[in-house]
Amino acid sequence: MTSPALAQTERQVGQLLGSAGESRYFVVSGHDAQSVLEADERLAQALRALQGRGTIDTFTAVSNSLPSLKRQEQVRTLVENTVLGGSGPAAPADERAGIRCAPYRA
């Protein structure tokens, strides 16, 4: 819900900058930074669905630049299993170079 004062300020800034588009902002909260990032990722997923249907044009999400630790782990596992592991595209290259790519463990 947008306050009348915020809506008025938004219109004034839009007029000054020559932008006719409307902006909406979502406040995402949680009990710690990771829960906030995970909530932001869920919101971004819903916004991507709206974007795919043409309901919205664009959006920006913090989690696009700073994914949660859970998402980082998912991506790392995906890369290990599909790119570096077994028959992935990097596997033959490292074998030809005589390098063994071991999974990174923090």
C-alpha atoms as a PDB file:
ATOM      1  CA  MET A   1       0.000   0.000   0.000  1.00  0.00           C
ATOM      2  CA  THR A   2       1.399   3.369  -0.976  1.00  0.00           C
ATOM      3  CA  SER A   3       0.850   6.417   1.174  1.00  0.00           C
ATOM      4  CA  PRO A   4      -0.593   9.475  -0.583  1.00  0.00           C
ATOM      5  CA  ALA A   5       2.546  11.475   0.239  1.00  0.00           C
ATOM      6  CA  LEU A   6       4.819   8.813  -1.253  1.00  0.00           C
ATOM      7  CA  ALA A   7       2.647   8.578  -4.376  1.00  0.00           C
ATOM      8  CA  GLN A   8       2.781  12.360  -4.792  1.00  0.00           C
ATOM      9  CA  THR A   9       6.566  12.402  -4.357  1.00  0.00           C
ATOM     10  CA  GLU A  10       6.881   9.592  -6.887  1.00  0.00           C
ATOM     11  CA  ARG A  11       4.830  11.549  -9.431  1.00  0.00           C
ATOM     12  CA  GLN A  12       6.927  14.674  -8.861  1.00  0.00           C
ATOM     13  CA  VAL A  13      10.199  12.759  -9.315  1.00  0.00           C
ATOM     14  CA  GLY A  14       8.805  11.112 -12.445  1.00  0.00           C
ATOM     15  CA  GLN A  15       7.869  14.488 -13.895  1.00  0.00           C
ATOM     16  CA  LEU A  16      11.282  15.954 -13.079  1.00  0.00           C
ATOM     17  CA  LEU A  17      13.092  13.015 -14.642  1.00  0.00           C
ATOM     18  CA  GLY A  18      10.731  12.715 -17.580  1.00  0.00           C
ATOM     19  CA  SER A  19       9.748   9.148 -16.773  1.00  0.00           C
ATOM     20  CA  ALA A  20       6.118   8.248 -17.187  1.00  0.00           C
ATOM     21  CA  GLY A  21       6.408   4.752 -15.735  1.00  0.00           C
ATOM     22  CA  GLU A  22       5.154   3.867 -12.332  1.00  0.00           C
ATOM     23  CA  SER A  23       7.314   2.220  -9.727  1.00  0.00           C
ATOM     24  CA  ARG A  24       6.214   0.057  -6.850  1.00  0.00           C
ATOM     25  CA  TYR A  25       8.403  -0.999  -3.999  1.00  0.00           C
ATOM     26  CA  PHE A  26       8.179  -4.084  -1.827  1.00  0.00           C
ATOM     27  CA  VAL A  27       9.617  -4.244   1.659  1.00  0.00           C
ATOM     28  CA  VAL A  28      10.901  -7.717   2.442  1.00  0.00           C
ATOM     29  CA  SER A  29      11.552  -8.609   6.048  1.00  0.00           C
ATOM     30  CA  GLY A  30      12.862 -11.559   8.031  1.00  0.00           C
ATOM     31  CA  HIS A  31      14.574 -12.501  11.251  1.00  0.00           C
ATOM     32  CA  ASP A  32      18.072 -12.373   9.740  1.00  0.00           C
ATOM     33  CA  ALA A  33      19.851 -11.449   6.503  1.00  0.00           C
ATOM     34  CA  GLN A  34      19.528 -14.936   5.000  1.00  0.00           C
ATOM     35  CA  SER A  35      15.787 -15.159   5.600  1.00  0.00           C
ATOM     36  CA  VAL A  36      15.382 -11.724   3.995  1.00  0.00           C
ATOM     37  CA  LEU A  37      17.365 -12.836   0.931  1.00  0.00           C
ATOM     38  CA  GLU A  38      15.340 -16.061   0.671  1.00  0.00           C
ATOM     39  CA  ALA A  39      12.086 -14.071   0.890  1.00  0.00           C
ATOM     40  CA  ASP A  40      13.439 -11.694  -1.768  1.00  0.00           C
ATOM     41  CA  GLU A  41      14.192 -14.689  -4.008  1.00  0.00           C
ATOM     42  CA  ARG A  42      10.607 -15.951  -3.620  1.00  0.00           C
ATOM     43  CA  LEU A  43       9.268 -12.495  -4.451  1.00  0.00           C
ATOM     44  CA  ALA A  44      11.573 -12.267  -7.486  1.00  0.00           C
ATOM     45  CA  GLN A  45      10.296 -15.645  -8.700  1.00  0.00           C
ATOM     46  CA  ALA A  46       6.709 -14.384  -8.513  1.00  0.00           C
ATOM     47  CA  LEU A  47       7.690 -11.156 -10.286  1.00  0.00           C
ATOM     48  CA  ARG A  48       9.418 -13.141 -13.051  1.00  0.00           C
ATOM     49  CA  ALA A  49       6.136 -15.010 -13.597  1.00  0.00           C
ATOM     50  CA  LEU A  50       4.296 -11.673 -13.906  1.00  0.00           C
ATOM     51  CA  GLN A  51       6.983 -10.453 -16.276  1.00  0.00           C
ATOM     52  CA  GLY A  52       6.581 -13.582 -18.386  1.00  0.00           C
ATOM     53  CA  ARG A  53       2.851 -12.917 -18.690  1.00  0.00           C
ATOM     54  CA  GLY A  54       3.495  -9.292 -19.669  1.00  0.00           C
ATOM     55  CA  THR A  55       1.871  -7.901 -16.527  1.00  0.00           C
ATOM     56  CA  ILE A  56       5.017  -6.002 -15.542  1.00  0.00           C
ATOM     57  CA  ASP A  57       7.952  -4.819 -17.615  1.00  0.00           C
ATOM     58  CA  THR A  58      10.976  -4.936 -15.348  1.00  0.00           C
ATOM     59  CA  PHE A  59      11.969  -5.296 -11.749  1.00  0.00           C
ATOM     60  CA  THR A  60      15.077  -5.202  -9.633  1.00  0.00           C
ATOM     61  CA  ALA A  61      15.724  -7.560  -6.737  1.00  0.00           C
ATOM     62  CA  VAL A  62      18.624  -7.473  -4.299  1.00  0.00           C
ATOM     63  CA  SER A  63      18.864 -11.258  -4.535  1.00  0.00           C
ATOM     64  CA  ASN A  64      19.725 -11.010  -8.241  1.00  0.00           C
ATOM     65  CA  SER A  65      23.083  -9.530  -7.210  1.00  0.00           C
ATOM     66  CA  LEU A  66      23.394 -11.071  -3.746  1.00  0.00           C
ATOM     67  CA  PRO A  67      21.812 -14.531  -3.627  1.00  0.00           C
ATOM     68  CA  SER A  68      21.126 -16.250  -0.331  1.00  0.00           C
ATOM     69  CA  LEU A  69      23.613 -18.822   0.936  1.00  0.00           C
ATOM     70  CA  LYS A  70      21.016 -21.500   0.153  1.00  0.00           C
ATOM     71  CA  ARG A  71      20.840 -20.350  -3.502  1.00  0.00           C
ATOM     72  CA  GLN A  72      24.640 -20.092  -3.732  1.00  0.00           C
ATOM     73  CA  GLU A  73      24.890 -23.718  -2.545  1.00  0.00           C
ATOM     74  CA  GLN A  74      22.299 -24.809  -5.131  1.00  0.00           C
ATOM     75  CA  VAL A  75      24.248 -23.099  -7.914  1.00  0.00           C
ATOM     76  CA  ARG A  76      27.569 -24.546  -6.715  1.00  0.00           C
ATOM     77  CA  THR A  77      26.104 -28.062  -6.648  1.00  0.00           C
ATOM     78  CA  LEU A  78      24.592 -27.579 -10.104  1.00  0.00           C
ATOM     79  CA  VAL A  79      27.942 -26.431 -11.528  1.00  0.00           C
ATOM     80  CA  GLU A  80      29.796 -29.317  -9.874  1.00  0.00           C
ATOM     81  CA  ASN A  81      27.337 -31.882 -11.200  1.00  0.00           C
ATOM     82  CA  THR A  82      26.774 -30.544 -14.704  1.00  0.00           C
ATOM     83  CA  VAL A  83      29.884 -28.605 -15.678  1.00  0.00           C
ATOM     84  CA  LEU A  84      32.774 -30.039 -13.691  1.00  0.00           C
ATOM     85  CA  GLY A  85      31.569 -33.523 -12.914  1.00  0.00           C
ATOM     86  CA  GLY A  86      31.377 -36.730 -14.905  1.00  0.00           C
ATOM     87  CA  SER A  87      30.583 -35.930 -18.519  1.00  0.00           C
ATOM     88  CA  GLY A  88      30.258 -32.157 -18.057  1.00  0.00           C
ATOM     89  CA  PRO A  89      31.940 -29.835 -20.568  1.00  0.00           C
ATOM     90  CA  ALA A  90      34.824 -29.020 -18.229  1.00  0.00           C
ATOM     91  CA  ALA A  91      35.532 -32.643 -17.300  1.00  0.00           C
ATOM     92  CA  PRO A  92      37.333 -33.605 -20.540  1.00  0.00           C
ATOM     93  CA  ALA A  93      39.358 -30.375 -20.487  1.00  0.00           C
ATOM     94  CA  ASP A  94      40.662 -30.912 -16.980  1.00  0.00           C
ATOM     95  CA  GLU A  95      41.453 -34.566 -17.732  1.00  0.00           C
ATOM     96  CA  ARG A  96      43.403 -33.625 -20.881  1.00  0.00           C
ATOM     97  CA  ALA A  97      45.333 -31.047 -18.873  1.00  0.00           C
ATOM     98  CA  GLY A  98      46.052 -33.604 -16.170  1.00  0.00           C
ATOM     99  CA  ILE A  99      44.137 -31.628 -13.577  1.00  0.00           C
ATOM    100  CA  ARG A 100      41.711 -33.172 -11.158  1.00  0.00           C
ATOM    101  CA  CYS A 101      38.827 -30.816 -10.317  1.00  0.00           C
ATOM    102  CA  ALA A 102      37.748 -31.567  -6.798  1.00  0.00           C
ATOM    103  CA  PRO A 103      34.645 -30.000  -5.305  1.00  0.00           C
ATOM    104  CA  TYR A 104      35.343 -26.970  -3.171  1.00  0.00           C
ATOM    105  CA  ARG A 105      34.415 -27.427   0.460  1.00  0.00           C
ATOM    106  CA  ALA A 106      34.484 -24.450   2.783  1.00  0.00           C
END
